């Protein structure tokens, strides 16, 4: 399974609806990711550029993309950004493979 970090922001209309009828959205988020065989590991609201953050686990990029597309198409968020998280082990493997790549800077 692959880990993903998402950052999202609600529209002003969504915040207005949430103020009028407060709702814990963790269960909804859990349902979305479980529908593709994944797991919700965390859901936080925040101050700053993004309104909230989620930590998810999904079987693959296509499954996570499906969740992101469904949420984005729902109209409640003004932004939804997803970052694939690499384990330390995957990063170590990538570092090892990077040795064999003969990179040449532009115009060098």
N, C-alpha and C. Protein backbone atom coordinates (compact mmCIF):
# COMPACT_ATOMS: atom_id res chain seq x y z
N UNK A 1 0.84 -1.18 0.00
CA UNK A 1 0.00 0.00 0.00
C UNK A 1 0.89 1.25 0.00
N UNK A 2 0.36 2.30 -0.56
CA UNK A 2 1.09 3.55 -0.70
C UNK A 2 0.45 4.59 0.22
N UNK A 3 1.28 5.45 0.82
CA UNK A 3 0.79 6.52 1.70
C UNK A 3 0.67 7.82 0.90
N UNK A 4 -0.35 8.60 1.23
CA UNK A 4 -0.62 9.87 0.55
C UNK A 4 -0.97 10.93 1.58
N UNK A 5 -0.49 12.13 1.34
CA UNK A 5 -0.84 13.28 2.14
C UNK A 5 -1.65 14.22 1.26
N UNK A 6 -2.84 14.60 1.70
CA UNK A 6 -3.62 15.57 0.93
C UNK A 6 -3.80 16.83 1.75
N UNK A 7 -3.83 17.93 1.02
CA UNK A 7 -4.13 19.24 1.59
C UNK A 7 -5.36 19.74 0.86
N UNK A 8 -6.32 20.24 1.62
CA UNK A 8 -7.55 20.69 0.96
C UNK A 8 -8.04 21.99 1.57
N UNK A 9 -8.84 22.69 0.80
CA UNK A 9 -9.52 23.90 1.28
C UNK A 9 -10.97 23.82 0.85
N UNK A 10 -11.85 24.17 1.77
CA UNK A 10 -13.28 24.22 1.47
C UNK A 10 -13.62 25.54 0.78
N UNK A 11 -14.72 25.54 0.04
CA UNK A 11 -15.25 26.78 -0.52
C UNK A 11 -15.90 27.57 0.61
N UNK A 12 -16.08 28.89 0.44
CA UNK A 12 -16.81 29.66 1.46
C UNK A 12 -18.22 29.12 1.69
N UNK A 13 -18.86 28.64 0.65
CA UNK A 13 -20.21 28.07 0.78
C UNK A 13 -20.20 26.81 1.66
N UNK A 14 -19.16 26.01 1.52
CA UNK A 14 -19.05 24.80 2.35
C UNK A 14 -18.87 25.18 3.81
N UNK A 15 -18.00 26.16 4.09
CA UNK A 15 -17.83 26.61 5.47
C UNK A 15 -19.15 27.14 6.03
N UNK A 16 -19.90 27.88 5.24
CA UNK A 16 -21.19 28.41 5.71
C UNK A 16 -22.13 27.27 6.08
N UNK A 17 -22.17 26.22 5.24
CA UNK A 17 -23.02 25.06 5.55
C UNK A 17 -22.54 24.34 6.80
N UNK A 18 -21.21 24.24 6.97
CA UNK A 18 -20.65 23.56 8.15
C UNK A 18 -20.93 24.37 9.43
N UNK A 19 -20.93 25.70 9.33
CA UNK A 19 -21.26 26.52 10.50
C UNK A 19 -22.72 26.32 10.88
N UNK A 20 -23.57 26.29 9.86
CA UNK A 20 -25.01 26.10 10.10
C UNK A 20 -25.32 24.71 10.64
N UNK A 21 -24.64 23.70 10.11
CA UNK A 21 -24.85 22.30 10.51
C UNK A 21 -23.49 21.62 10.67
N UNK A 22 -22.82 21.80 11.82
CA UNK A 22 -21.50 21.20 12.01
C UNK A 22 -21.51 19.69 11.77
N UNK A 23 -20.46 19.22 11.08
CA UNK A 23 -20.37 17.80 10.74
C UNK A 23 -18.93 17.34 10.83
N UNK A 24 -18.71 16.24 11.50
CA UNK A 24 -17.39 15.60 11.57
C UNK A 24 -17.19 14.86 10.26
N UNK A 25 -16.29 15.34 9.41
CA UNK A 25 -16.10 14.78 8.07
C UNK A 25 -15.15 13.58 8.04
N UNK A 26 -14.62 13.18 9.18
CA UNK A 26 -13.71 12.02 9.17
C UNK A 26 -14.40 10.76 8.68
N UNK A 27 -15.62 10.53 9.08
CA UNK A 27 -16.31 9.31 8.66
C UNK A 27 -16.55 9.30 7.16
N UNK A 28 -16.90 10.45 6.61
CA UNK A 28 -17.08 10.53 5.15
C UNK A 28 -15.76 10.22 4.45
N UNK A 29 -14.67 10.83 4.92
CA UNK A 29 -13.36 10.59 4.30
C UNK A 29 -12.98 9.11 4.41
N UNK A 30 -13.24 8.51 5.55
CA UNK A 30 -12.94 7.08 5.75
C UNK A 30 -13.72 6.23 4.75
N UNK A 31 -14.98 6.56 4.54
CA UNK A 31 -15.81 5.81 3.59
C UNK A 31 -15.24 5.91 2.17
N UNK A 32 -14.80 7.10 1.78
CA UNK A 32 -14.27 7.29 0.42
C UNK A 32 -13.06 6.40 0.18
N UNK A 33 -12.09 6.43 1.11
CA UNK A 33 -10.86 5.68 0.88
C UNK A 33 -11.08 4.18 1.04
N UNK A 34 -11.95 3.79 1.95
CA UNK A 34 -12.23 2.35 2.11
C UNK A 34 -12.93 1.78 0.89
N UNK A 35 -13.66 2.61 0.15
CA UNK A 35 -14.35 2.12 -1.05
C UNK A 35 -13.38 1.67 -2.14
N UNK A 36 -12.11 2.10 -2.04
CA UNK A 36 -11.10 1.66 -3.02
C UNK A 36 -10.07 0.74 -2.36
N UNK A 37 -10.38 0.25 -1.17
CA UNK A 37 -9.48 -0.69 -0.49
C UNK A 37 -8.40 -0.03 0.34
N UNK A 38 -8.57 1.24 0.68
CA UNK A 38 -7.56 1.96 1.44
C UNK A 38 -7.96 2.20 2.88
N UNK A 39 -7.19 3.08 3.55
CA UNK A 39 -7.42 3.37 4.96
C UNK A 39 -7.10 4.83 5.24
N UNK A 40 -7.94 5.46 6.06
CA UNK A 40 -7.68 6.82 6.53
C UNK A 40 -6.86 6.73 7.80
N UNK A 41 -5.70 7.38 7.82
CA UNK A 41 -4.84 7.37 9.01
C UNK A 41 -4.95 8.63 9.83
N UNK A 42 -5.45 9.71 9.23
CA UNK A 42 -5.58 10.95 10.00
C UNK A 42 -6.33 12.00 9.22
N UNK A 43 -6.97 12.90 9.96
CA UNK A 43 -7.75 13.99 9.38
C UNK A 43 -7.61 15.17 10.33
N UNK A 44 -7.05 16.28 9.84
CA UNK A 44 -6.82 17.45 10.67
C UNK A 44 -7.28 18.71 9.95
N UNK A 45 -7.76 19.68 10.72
CA UNK A 45 -8.01 21.02 10.20
C UNK A 45 -6.83 21.89 10.62
N UNK A 46 -6.61 22.99 9.90
CA UNK A 46 -5.42 23.79 10.15
C UNK A 46 -5.67 25.25 9.83
N UNK A 47 -4.82 26.10 10.38
CA UNK A 47 -4.75 27.49 9.98
C UNK A 47 -3.74 27.56 8.85
N UNK A 48 -3.88 28.51 7.96
CA UNK A 48 -2.87 28.69 6.93
C UNK A 48 -3.41 28.56 5.53
N UNK A 49 -2.53 28.19 4.63
CA UNK A 49 -2.87 28.13 3.20
C UNK A 49 -3.96 27.09 2.91
N UNK A 50 -3.99 26.01 3.67
CA UNK A 50 -4.97 24.94 3.47
C UNK A 50 -5.85 24.81 4.71
N UNK A 51 -7.10 24.44 4.49
CA UNK A 51 -8.04 24.28 5.60
C UNK A 51 -7.85 22.96 6.34
N UNK A 52 -7.34 21.95 5.64
CA UNK A 52 -7.20 20.66 6.29
C UNK A 52 -6.19 19.77 5.61
N UNK A 53 -5.86 18.69 6.31
CA UNK A 53 -4.85 17.72 5.87
C UNK A 53 -5.38 16.32 6.17
N UNK A 54 -5.13 15.40 5.26
CA UNK A 54 -5.48 13.99 5.46
C UNK A 54 -4.26 13.13 5.20
N UNK A 55 -4.14 12.05 5.95
CA UNK A 55 -3.13 11.03 5.69
C UNK A 55 -3.88 9.75 5.35
N UNK A 56 -3.65 9.27 4.14
CA UNK A 56 -4.38 8.11 3.61
C UNK A 56 -3.39 7.01 3.22
N UNK A 57 -3.91 5.82 3.12
CA UNK A 57 -3.19 4.69 2.54
C UNK A 57 -4.10 4.11 1.47
N UNK A 58 -3.56 3.88 0.27
CA UNK A 58 -4.36 3.32 -0.82
C UNK A 58 -3.54 2.26 -1.54
N UNK A 59 -4.22 1.35 -2.23
CA UNK A 59 -3.50 0.27 -2.92
C UNK A 59 -2.55 0.76 -4.02
N UNK A 60 -2.90 1.89 -4.66
CA UNK A 60 -2.09 2.36 -5.78
C UNK A 60 -2.52 3.78 -6.16
N UNK A 61 -1.76 4.39 -7.08
CA UNK A 61 -2.03 5.76 -7.50
C UNK A 61 -3.40 5.91 -8.17
N UNK A 62 -3.82 4.93 -8.93
CA UNK A 62 -5.11 5.00 -9.61
C UNK A 62 -6.25 5.05 -8.58
N UNK A 63 -6.16 4.24 -7.54
CA UNK A 63 -7.19 4.24 -6.50
C UNK A 63 -7.25 5.59 -5.79
N UNK A 64 -6.09 6.15 -5.44
CA UNK A 64 -6.07 7.45 -4.77
C UNK A 64 -6.56 8.53 -5.71
N UNK A 65 -6.19 8.45 -6.98
CA UNK A 65 -6.66 9.44 -7.95
C UNK A 65 -8.18 9.40 -8.06
N UNK A 66 -8.76 8.21 -8.00
CA UNK A 66 -10.22 8.09 -8.08
C UNK A 66 -10.88 8.80 -6.90
N UNK A 67 -10.31 8.65 -5.70
CA UNK A 67 -10.85 9.33 -4.52
C UNK A 67 -10.71 10.84 -4.69
N UNK A 68 -9.54 11.29 -5.12
CA UNK A 68 -9.30 12.72 -5.31
C UNK A 68 -10.25 13.31 -6.36
N UNK A 69 -10.45 12.59 -7.44
CA UNK A 69 -11.36 13.07 -8.49
C UNK A 69 -12.79 13.17 -7.98
N UNK A 70 -13.23 12.16 -7.25
CA UNK A 70 -14.59 12.17 -6.72
C UNK A 70 -14.80 13.33 -5.75
N UNK A 71 -13.83 13.55 -4.86
CA UNK A 71 -13.94 14.66 -3.91
C UNK A 71 -13.91 15.99 -4.66
N UNK A 72 -12.99 16.15 -5.58
CA UNK A 72 -12.88 17.39 -6.34
C UNK A 72 -14.12 17.70 -7.15
N UNK A 73 -14.74 16.66 -7.69
CA UNK A 73 -15.94 16.85 -8.52
C UNK A 73 -17.18 17.17 -7.68
N UNK A 74 -17.10 16.95 -6.37
CA UNK A 74 -18.26 17.17 -5.51
C UNK A 74 -18.61 18.62 -5.27
N UNK A 75 -17.67 19.53 -5.54
CA UNK A 75 -17.94 20.95 -5.43
C UNK A 75 -17.76 21.57 -4.06
N UNK A 76 -17.41 20.80 -3.04
CA UNK A 76 -17.28 21.34 -1.68
C UNK A 76 -15.90 21.91 -1.39
N UNK A 77 -14.91 21.53 -2.20
CA UNK A 77 -13.55 22.01 -1.96
C UNK A 77 -13.11 22.95 -3.08
N UNK A 78 -12.30 23.93 -2.70
CA UNK A 78 -11.75 24.84 -3.69
C UNK A 78 -10.37 24.38 -4.14
N UNK A 79 -9.73 23.53 -3.34
CA UNK A 79 -8.46 22.93 -3.74
C UNK A 79 -8.31 21.58 -3.05
N UNK A 80 -7.61 20.68 -3.74
CA UNK A 80 -7.34 19.34 -3.21
C UNK A 80 -6.04 18.88 -3.83
N UNK A 81 -4.97 18.88 -3.06
CA UNK A 81 -3.64 18.52 -3.55
C UNK A 81 -3.18 17.24 -2.87
N UNK A 82 -2.63 16.32 -3.66
CA UNK A 82 -2.20 15.04 -3.13
C UNK A 82 -0.71 14.85 -3.36
N UNK A 83 -0.01 14.41 -2.33
CA UNK A 83 1.41 14.11 -2.42
C UNK A 83 1.61 12.64 -2.09
N UNK A 84 2.32 11.93 -2.96
CA UNK A 84 2.68 10.54 -2.69
C UNK A 84 3.84 10.56 -1.71
N UNK A 85 3.72 9.81 -0.63
CA UNK A 85 4.79 9.75 0.37
C UNK A 85 5.63 8.50 0.15
N UNK A 86 6.94 8.67 0.17
CA UNK A 86 7.87 7.55 0.01
C UNK A 86 8.39 7.12 1.37
N UNK A 87 8.44 5.83 1.58
CA UNK A 87 9.04 5.33 2.82
C UNK A 87 10.55 5.58 2.78
N UNK A 88 11.20 5.49 3.92
CA UNK A 88 12.65 5.61 3.96
C UNK A 88 13.28 4.52 3.11
N UNK A 89 12.70 3.32 3.17
CA UNK A 89 13.24 2.20 2.39
C UNK A 89 13.14 2.48 0.89
N UNK A 90 12.01 3.00 0.43
CA UNK A 90 11.86 3.33 -0.99
C UNK A 90 12.84 4.43 -1.40
N UNK A 91 13.04 5.40 -0.51
CA UNK A 91 13.98 6.48 -0.81
C UNK A 91 15.40 5.94 -0.88
N UNK A 92 15.75 5.03 0.00
CA UNK A 92 17.09 4.43 -0.04
C UNK A 92 17.29 3.66 -1.34
N UNK A 93 16.26 2.94 -1.78
CA UNK A 93 16.34 2.22 -3.05
C UNK A 93 16.50 3.20 -4.21
N UNK A 94 15.75 4.29 -4.18
CA UNK A 94 15.86 5.30 -5.24
C UNK A 94 17.25 5.93 -5.26
N UNK A 95 17.81 6.18 -4.08
CA UNK A 95 19.16 6.73 -4.02
C UNK A 95 20.16 5.78 -4.66
N UNK A 96 19.99 4.48 -4.40
CA UNK A 96 20.87 3.48 -5.01
C UNK A 96 20.75 3.47 -6.53
N UNK A 97 19.53 3.56 -7.04
CA UNK A 97 19.31 3.57 -8.49
C UNK A 97 19.82 4.86 -9.12
N UNK A 98 19.78 5.95 -8.36
CA UNK A 98 20.23 7.24 -8.90
C UNK A 98 21.71 7.21 -9.28
N UNK A 99 22.49 6.35 -8.63
CA UNK A 99 23.92 6.24 -8.94
C UNK A 99 24.16 5.88 -10.40
N UNK A 100 23.28 5.08 -10.98
CA UNK A 100 23.49 4.59 -12.36
C UNK A 100 22.97 5.57 -13.42
N UNK A 101 22.32 6.64 -13.00
CA UNK A 101 21.80 7.62 -13.97
C UNK A 101 22.87 8.66 -14.23
N UNK A 102 23.22 8.83 -15.46
CA UNK A 102 24.25 9.78 -15.86
C UNK A 102 23.59 11.09 -16.29
N UNK A 103 23.25 11.92 -15.30
CA UNK A 103 22.58 13.18 -15.56
C UNK A 103 23.57 14.19 -16.12
N UNK A 104 23.11 14.96 -17.09
CA UNK A 104 23.92 16.05 -17.66
C UNK A 104 23.09 17.33 -17.54
N UNK A 105 23.59 18.36 -16.85
CA UNK A 105 22.85 19.62 -16.74
C UNK A 105 22.64 20.26 -18.12
N UNK A 106 21.60 21.08 -18.26
CA UNK A 106 21.36 21.76 -19.53
C UNK A 106 22.56 22.60 -19.94
N UNK A 107 22.83 22.62 -21.21
CA UNK A 107 23.91 23.42 -21.80
C UNK A 107 25.27 23.12 -21.20
N UNK A 108 25.46 21.90 -20.74
CA UNK A 108 26.76 21.55 -20.15
C UNK A 108 27.56 20.71 -21.13
